[in-house]
Protein backbone atom coordinates (compact mmCIF):
# COMPACT_ATOMS: atom_id res chain seq x y z
CA UNK A 1 -2.81 -13.44 18.46
CA UNK A 2 -5.79 -15.76 19.40
CA UNK A 3 -9.07 -14.10 18.41
CA UNK A 4 -10.50 -14.16 21.93
CA UNK A 5 -7.30 -12.44 23.24
CA UNK A 6 -7.62 -9.60 20.73
CA UNK A 7 -11.46 -9.25 21.50
CA UNK A 8 -10.79 -9.08 25.31
CA UNK A 9 -7.99 -6.56 24.87
CA UNK A 10 -9.98 -4.43 22.47
CA UNK A 11 -12.97 -4.48 25.06
CA UNK A 12 -10.41 -3.24 27.72
CA UNK A 13 -9.22 -0.43 25.48
CA UNK A 14 -12.78 0.76 25.01
CA UNK A 15 -13.68 0.52 28.70
CA UNK A 16 -10.67 2.42 29.68
CA UNK A 17 -12.25 5.52 27.75
CA UNK A 18 -15.63 4.64 28.93
CA UNK A 19 -14.86 4.77 32.58
CA UNK A 20 -13.20 8.16 32.25
CA UNK A 21 -16.25 9.38 30.45
CA UNK A 22 -18.40 7.97 33.20
CA UNK A 23 -16.30 9.68 35.77
CA UNK A 24 -16.58 13.01 33.93
CA UNK A 25 -20.37 12.93 33.43
CA UNK A 26 -20.96 11.86 37.15
CA UNK A 27 -18.54 14.27 38.82
CA UNK A 28 -18.71 17.26 36.30
CA UNK A 29 -21.84 17.35 34.31
CA UNK A 30 -24.64 15.64 36.44
CA UNK A 31 -26.15 16.94 39.75
CA UNK A 32 -25.88 13.37 41.21
CA UNK A 33 -25.43 9.72 40.55
CA UNK A 34 -29.22 9.19 40.23
CA UNK A 35 -29.54 11.95 37.59
CA UNK A 36 -26.74 10.28 35.64
CA UNK A 37 -28.53 6.93 35.91
CA UNK A 38 -31.93 8.34 34.69
CA UNK A 39 -30.31 9.87 31.61
CA UNK A 40 -28.11 6.87 30.89
CA UNK A 41 -31.08 4.44 31.29
CA UNK A 42 -33.19 6.41 28.66
CA UNK A 43 -30.36 6.25 26.14
CA UNK A 44 -29.81 2.45 26.85
CA UNK A 45 -33.60 1.78 26.32
CA UNK A 46 -33.37 3.24 22.76
CA UNK A 47 -30.15 1.59 21.92
CA UNK A 48 -31.12 -1.98 22.99
CA UNK A 49 -34.48 -2.14 20.99
CA UNK A 50 -32.93 -3.58 17.77
CA UNK A 51 -31.03 -6.13 19.75
CA UNK A 52 -34.33 -7.26 21.71
CA UNK A 53 -36.11 -7.93 18.26
CA UNK A 54 -33.10 -9.40 16.23
CA UNK A 55 -31.74 -11.71 18.98
CA UNK A 56 -34.44 -13.00 21.21
CA UNK A 57 -33.96 -15.73 23.82
CA UNK A 58 -33.98 -19.01 21.82
CA UNK A 59 -37.21 -21.22 21.96
CA UNK A 60 -36.57 -24.24 24.26
CA UNK A 61 -33.43 -22.98 26.06
CA UNK A 62 -32.90 -24.83 29.34
CA UNK A 63 -34.01 -23.20 32.53
CA UNK A 64 -30.59 -23.32 34.04
CA UNK A 65 -29.38 -21.31 31.16
CA UNK A 66 -31.88 -18.60 31.66
CA UNK A 67 -31.27 -18.67 35.37
CA UNK A 68 -27.58 -18.29 34.80
CA UNK A 69 -28.17 -15.30 32.47
CA UNK A 70 -30.28 -13.67 34.92
CA UNK A 71 -27.81 -14.15 37.84
CA UNK A 72 -25.06 -12.77 35.58
CA UNK A 73 -26.97 -9.66 34.69
CA UNK A 74 -28.27 -8.86 38.19
CA UNK A 75 -24.78 -9.20 39.92
CA UNK A 76 -23.01 -7.32 37.07
CA UNK A 77 -25.54 -4.54 37.36
CA UNK A 78 -25.04 -4.40 41.11
CA UNK A 79 -21.28 -4.24 40.61
CA UNK A 80 -21.56 -1.57 37.97
CA UNK A 81 -23.81 0.67 40.18
CA UNK A 82 -21.32 0.21 43.07
CA UNK A 83 -18.43 1.35 40.75
CA UNK A 84 -20.27 4.35 39.44
CA UNK A 85 -21.32 5.44 42.96
CA UNK A 86 -17.66 5.55 43.94
CA UNK A 87 -16.69 7.62 40.90
CA UNK A 88 -18.45 10.47 42.69
CA UNK A 89 -16.03 10.85 45.58
CA UNK A 90 -12.84 8.75 44.22
CA UNK A 91 -10.56 9.19 41.36
CA UNK A 92 -11.43 6.70 38.47
CA UNK A 93 -7.67 5.62 38.34
CA UNK A 94 -8.13 4.10 41.89
CA UNK A 95 -11.60 2.75 41.78
CA UNK A 96 -11.45 0.66 38.73
CA UNK A 97 -8.08 -1.08 39.29
CA UNK A 98 -9.18 -2.29 42.78
CA UNK A 99 -12.60 -3.58 41.32
CA UNK A 100 -10.61 -5.32 38.59
CA UNK A 101 -8.74 -7.64 40.94
CA UNK A 102 -11.65 -10.03 40.37
CA UNK A 103 -9.90 -12.34 37.94
CA UNK A 104 -8.34 -14.07 40.86
CA UNK A 105 -11.76 -15.07 42.06
CA UNK A 106 -12.91 -16.07 38.67
CA UNK A 107 -9.76 -18.57 38.19
CA UNK A 108 -10.31 -19.98 41.58
CA UNK A 109 -14.02 -20.60 40.84
CA UNK A 110 -13.84 -21.58 37.12
CA UNK A 111 -11.46 -24.44 37.78
CA UNK A 112 -13.72 -26.65 39.93
CA UNK A 113 -17.15 -25.35 38.55
CA UNK A 114 -16.46 -25.09 34.82
CA UNK A 115 -13.66 -27.61 34.44
CA UNK A 116 -11.07 -25.19 33.17
CA UNK A 117 -7.45 -25.81 33.87
CA UNK A 118 -4.56 -23.28 34.09
CA UNK A 119 -0.83 -24.19 33.91
CA UNK A 120 1.78 -22.55 36.09
CA UNK A 121 2.45 -19.71 33.74
CA UNK A 122 -1.26 -18.84 33.37
CA UNK A 123 -1.71 -18.78 37.10
CA UNK A 124 1.19 -16.56 37.38
CA UNK A 125 -0.33 -14.30 34.71
CA UNK A 126 -3.58 -14.07 36.73
CA UNK A 127 -1.72 -13.22 40.08
CA UNK A 128 0.42 -10.59 38.32
CA UNK A 129 -2.46 -8.72 36.83
CA UNK A 130 -4.39 -8.92 39.99
CA UNK A 131 -1.58 -7.80 42.14
CA UNK A 132 -0.66 -4.81 39.77
CA UNK A 133 -4.40 -3.87 39.82
CA UNK A 134 -4.04 -3.67 43.62
CA UNK A 135 -0.87 -1.51 43.39
CA UNK A 136 -2.60 1.01 41.22
CA UNK A 137 -5.32 1.34 44.01
CA UNK A 138 -2.64 2.35 46.55
CA UNK A 139 -2.05 5.87 47.28
CA UNK A 140 1.35 6.72 48.68
CA UNK A 141 1.78 8.48 51.85
CA UNK A 142 4.54 11.02 52.53
CA UNK A 143 6.93 8.34 53.72
CA UNK A 144 6.51 6.32 50.50
CA UNK A 145 4.36 3.49 52.00
CA UNK A 146 0.91 2.79 50.33
CA UNK A 147 -2.43 3.18 51.79
CA UNK A 148 -5.85 1.88 50.55
CA UNK A 149 -8.83 3.88 49.25
CA UNK A 150 -10.71 5.02 52.29
CA UNK A 151 -14.45 4.53 53.01
CA UNK A 152 -15.15 2.97 49.57
CA UNK A 153 -12.63 0.09 49.93
CA UNK A 154 -15.10 -2.56 51.43
CA UNK A 155 -17.88 -1.97 48.79
CA UNK A 156 -15.22 -2.06 45.93
CA UNK A 157 -14.26 -5.49 47.16
CA UNK A 158 -17.80 -6.36 47.18
CA UNK A 159 -17.99 -5.14 43.61
CA UNK A 160 -14.97 -7.27 42.55
CA UNK A 161 -16.66 -10.39 44.03
CA UNK A 162 -19.97 -9.56 42.13
CA UNK A 163 -18.14 -9.07 38.74
CA UNK A 164 -16.36 -12.55 39.36
CA UNK A 165 -19.80 -14.22 39.95
CA UNK A 166 -21.11 -12.30 36.72
CA UNK A 167 -18.31 -13.81 34.53
CA UNK A 168 -18.73 -17.33 35.85
CA UNK A 169 -22.50 -17.45 35.50
CA UNK A 170 -22.19 -15.47 32.14
CA UNK A 171 -19.91 -18.11 30.80
CA UNK A 172 -22.26 -20.75 31.61
CA UNK A 173 -25.29 -19.02 29.99
CA UNK A 174 -23.18 -18.31 26.93
CA UNK A 175 -23.08 -22.10 26.13
CA UNK A 176 -26.63 -21.60 24.65
CA UNK A 177 -27.16 -17.83 24.28
CA UNK A 178 -25.73 -15.59 21.59
CA UNK A 179 -23.52 -12.79 22.85
CA UNK A 180 -26.02 -10.16 21.55
CA UNK A 181 -28.80 -11.83 23.61
CA UNK A 182 -26.76 -11.69 26.77
CA UNK A 183 -25.86 -8.10 26.00
CA UNK A 184 -29.55 -6.85 25.89
CA UNK A 185 -30.47 -8.96 28.83
CA UNK A 186 -27.70 -7.43 30.82
CA UNK A 187 -28.54 -3.91 29.77
CA UNK A 188 -32.28 -4.26 30.37
CA UNK A 189 -31.61 -5.60 33.87
CA UNK A 190 -29.24 -2.62 34.58
CA UNK A 191 -31.96 -0.21 33.35
CA UNK A 192 -34.58 -1.86 35.60
CA UNK A 193 -32.42 -1.76 38.71
CA UNK A 194 -31.03 1.69 38.11
CA UNK A 195 -34.39 3.09 37.53
CA UNK A 196 -35.63 1.55 40.66
CA UNK A 197 -32.88 3.06 42.51
CA UNK A 198 -32.83 6.54 41.00
CA UNK A 199 -36.19 7.48 39.45
CA UNK A 200 -37.53 9.92 42.00
CA UNK A 201 -39.57 13.17 41.60
CA UNK A 202 -36.68 14.98 43.30
CA UNK A 203 -34.32 13.59 40.67
CA UNK A 204 -36.65 14.58 37.79
CA UNK A 205 -36.69 18.06 39.07
CA UNK A 206 -32.94 18.54 39.52
CA UNK A 207 -32.34 17.25 35.89
CA UNK A 208 -33.50 20.69 34.94
CA UNK A 209 -30.61 22.19 36.45
CA UNK A 210 -28.06 20.48 34.16
CA UNK A 211 -26.04 23.19 32.16
CA UNK A 212 -25.76 22.52 28.52
CA UNK A 213 -28.19 19.49 28.65
CA UNK A 214 -28.05 18.79 24.88
CA UNK A 215 -24.11 18.42 24.92
CA UNK A 216 -24.44 16.23 28.08
CA UNK A 217 -27.03 14.07 26.43
CA UNK A 218 -24.71 13.81 23.33
CA UNK A 219 -21.84 12.53 25.55
CA UNK A 220 -24.01 9.93 27.17
CA UNK A 221 -25.03 8.68 23.72
CA UNK A 222 -21.48 8.40 22.62
CA UNK A 223 -20.61 6.60 25.89
CA UNK A 224 -23.37 4.15 25.59
CA UNK A 225 -22.67 3.48 22.00
CA UNK A 226 -19.06 2.73 22.97
CA UNK A 227 -20.47 0.34 25.68
CA UNK A 228 -22.30 -1.63 23.05
CA UNK A 229 -19.01 -2.24 21.16
CA UNK A 230 -17.06 -3.14 24.33
CA UNK A 231 -19.80 -5.44 25.65
CA UNK A 232 -19.98 -7.32 22.41
CA UNK A 233 -16.21 -7.85 22.42
CA UNK A 234 -16.08 -8.88 25.97
CA UNK A 235 -19.02 -11.34 25.77
CA UNK A 236 -17.68 -12.80 22.50
CA UNK A 237 -14.21 -13.33 24.05
CA UNK A 238 -15.97 -14.91 27.06
CA UNK A 239 -17.92 -17.19 24.72
CA UNK A 240 -14.80 -18.30 22.82
CA UNK A 241 -12.11 -18.34 25.35
CA UNK A 242 -11.34 -19.75 28.77
CA UNK A 243 -13.11 -17.49 31.18
CA UNK A 244 -10.22 -17.39 33.67
CA UNK A 245 -7.92 -15.90 31.15
CA UNK A 246 -10.58 -13.75 29.34
CA UNK A 247 -11.30 -12.29 32.84
CA UNK A 248 -7.72 -11.65 33.44
CA UNK A 249 -7.32 -9.75 30.09
CA UNK A 250 -10.36 -7.61 30.74
CA UNK A 251 -8.85 -6.67 34.11
CA UNK A 252 -6.13 -4.87 32.09
CA UNK A 253 -8.82 -2.15 31.92
CA UNK A 254 -6.89 -0.09 34.55
CA UNK A 255 -3.94 0.38 32.11
CA UNK A 256 -6.12 2.02 29.66
CA UNK A 257 -8.24 4.16 32.30
CA UNK A 258 -4.77 5.34 33.59
CA UNK A 259 -3.50 6.13 30.16
CA UNK A 260 -6.84 7.72 29.03
CA UNK A 261 -6.97 9.81 32.32
CA UNK A 262 -3.49 11.16 31.67
CA UNK A 263 -4.21 12.21 28.29
CA UNK A 264 -7.56 13.79 29.07
CA UNK A 265 -6.21 15.62 31.98
CA UNK A 266 -3.54 17.02 29.78
CA UNK A 267 -5.53 17.86 26.77
CA UNK A 268 -8.87 18.98 28.83
CA UNK A 269 -7.66 20.04 32.23
CA UNK A 270 -10.47 19.12 34.83
CA UNK A 271 -12.09 16.82 32.47
CA UNK A 272 -11.73 13.80 34.93
CA UNK A 273 -11.40 13.64 38.88
CA UNK A 274 -7.58 13.46 39.11
CA UNK A 275 -5.45 14.04 42.24
CA UNK A 276 -2.40 11.80 41.82
CA UNK A 277 0.90 13.26 42.42
CA UNK A 278 4.30 12.22 41.05
CA UNK A 279 4.74 9.37 43.46
CA UNK A 280 1.30 7.89 42.84
CA UNK A 281 2.05 8.23 39.08
CA UNK A 282 5.10 6.02 39.67
CA UNK A 283 3.08 3.53 41.48
CA UNK A 284 0.62 3.33 38.66
CA UNK A 285 3.23 3.18 35.89
CA UNK A 286 4.95 0.26 37.60
CA UNK A 287 1.44 -1.58 37.86
CA UNK A 288 0.96 -0.83 34.09
CA UNK A 289 4.11 -2.50 33.05
CA UNK A 290 3.25 -5.55 35.33
CA UNK A 291 -0.20 -5.96 33.85
CA UNK A 292 1.34 -5.63 30.27
CA UNK A 293 3.73 -8.38 31.46
CA UNK A 294 0.81 -10.65 32.53
CA UNK A 295 -1.06 -10.15 29.31
CA UNK A 296 2.21 -11.11 27.34
CA UNK A 297 2.59 -14.18 29.31
CA UNK A 298 -1.13 -15.31 28.50
CA UNK A 299 -0.62 -14.52 24.81
CA UNK A 300 2.90 -16.32 24.64
CA UNK A 301 1.59 -19.39 26.52
CA UNK A 302 -1.70 -19.46 24.39
CA UNK A 303 0.37 -19.55 21.22
């Protein structure tokens, strides 16, 4: 298996668990999204300190590279905040797949802007994975037909477009920046935006209402440590592989969100927001098989 394929797949596995833990913290442990963001930002600020000092922005780096890195981090932070906001009212196995249709936008953009080329099989893989992600986001009606997520559907499409823009600009920035450098820039940008959105006197007061605060803080620390590992793998894969296909493999995250949600809901009932019935599970299982097929095509064609 190509190294960048393994890296992207490993990141997807980790993000599958991370998204479920995000959903648990926001919907079960925290008194609101803003409270979650404040706690998370404090943890992130501690974690990124070594990276800032060990992997500074190189001297003499071109202005357009810095601009691309900033654009990538800003739009990715915006997409993450939208996705986290949706976890409060929608099940994680519906939100994440819809957001992760973005590889289609990446592929359509990377070909003319970055000079990448995809053969017919690779285009097929991109379309299979994106279509399967859409299928996971469908909820079946009683007659068996599917319907979209409700009021959050438009903003989740916006999040997908933002993630696509983040990958394209991030790939350009990684021509001269190290993966670790882009990581801490991304996290610092996310912290600044998140605190600007969430740091309010009222939020500070309601943080005191959190039950079992030390256990909650420990879960946040575990979550953000896993984010470091997943981000390193994804940025490394973006740096070393074609962004069109790396983004497609990263879009397999819904498979692992789905699998992790099933396991957690069985082992720890009520751990994640979960309301899918038998018919919905069949939708998601079929989509999972399709995503696996798409990734297999990428691997076989690459080799």
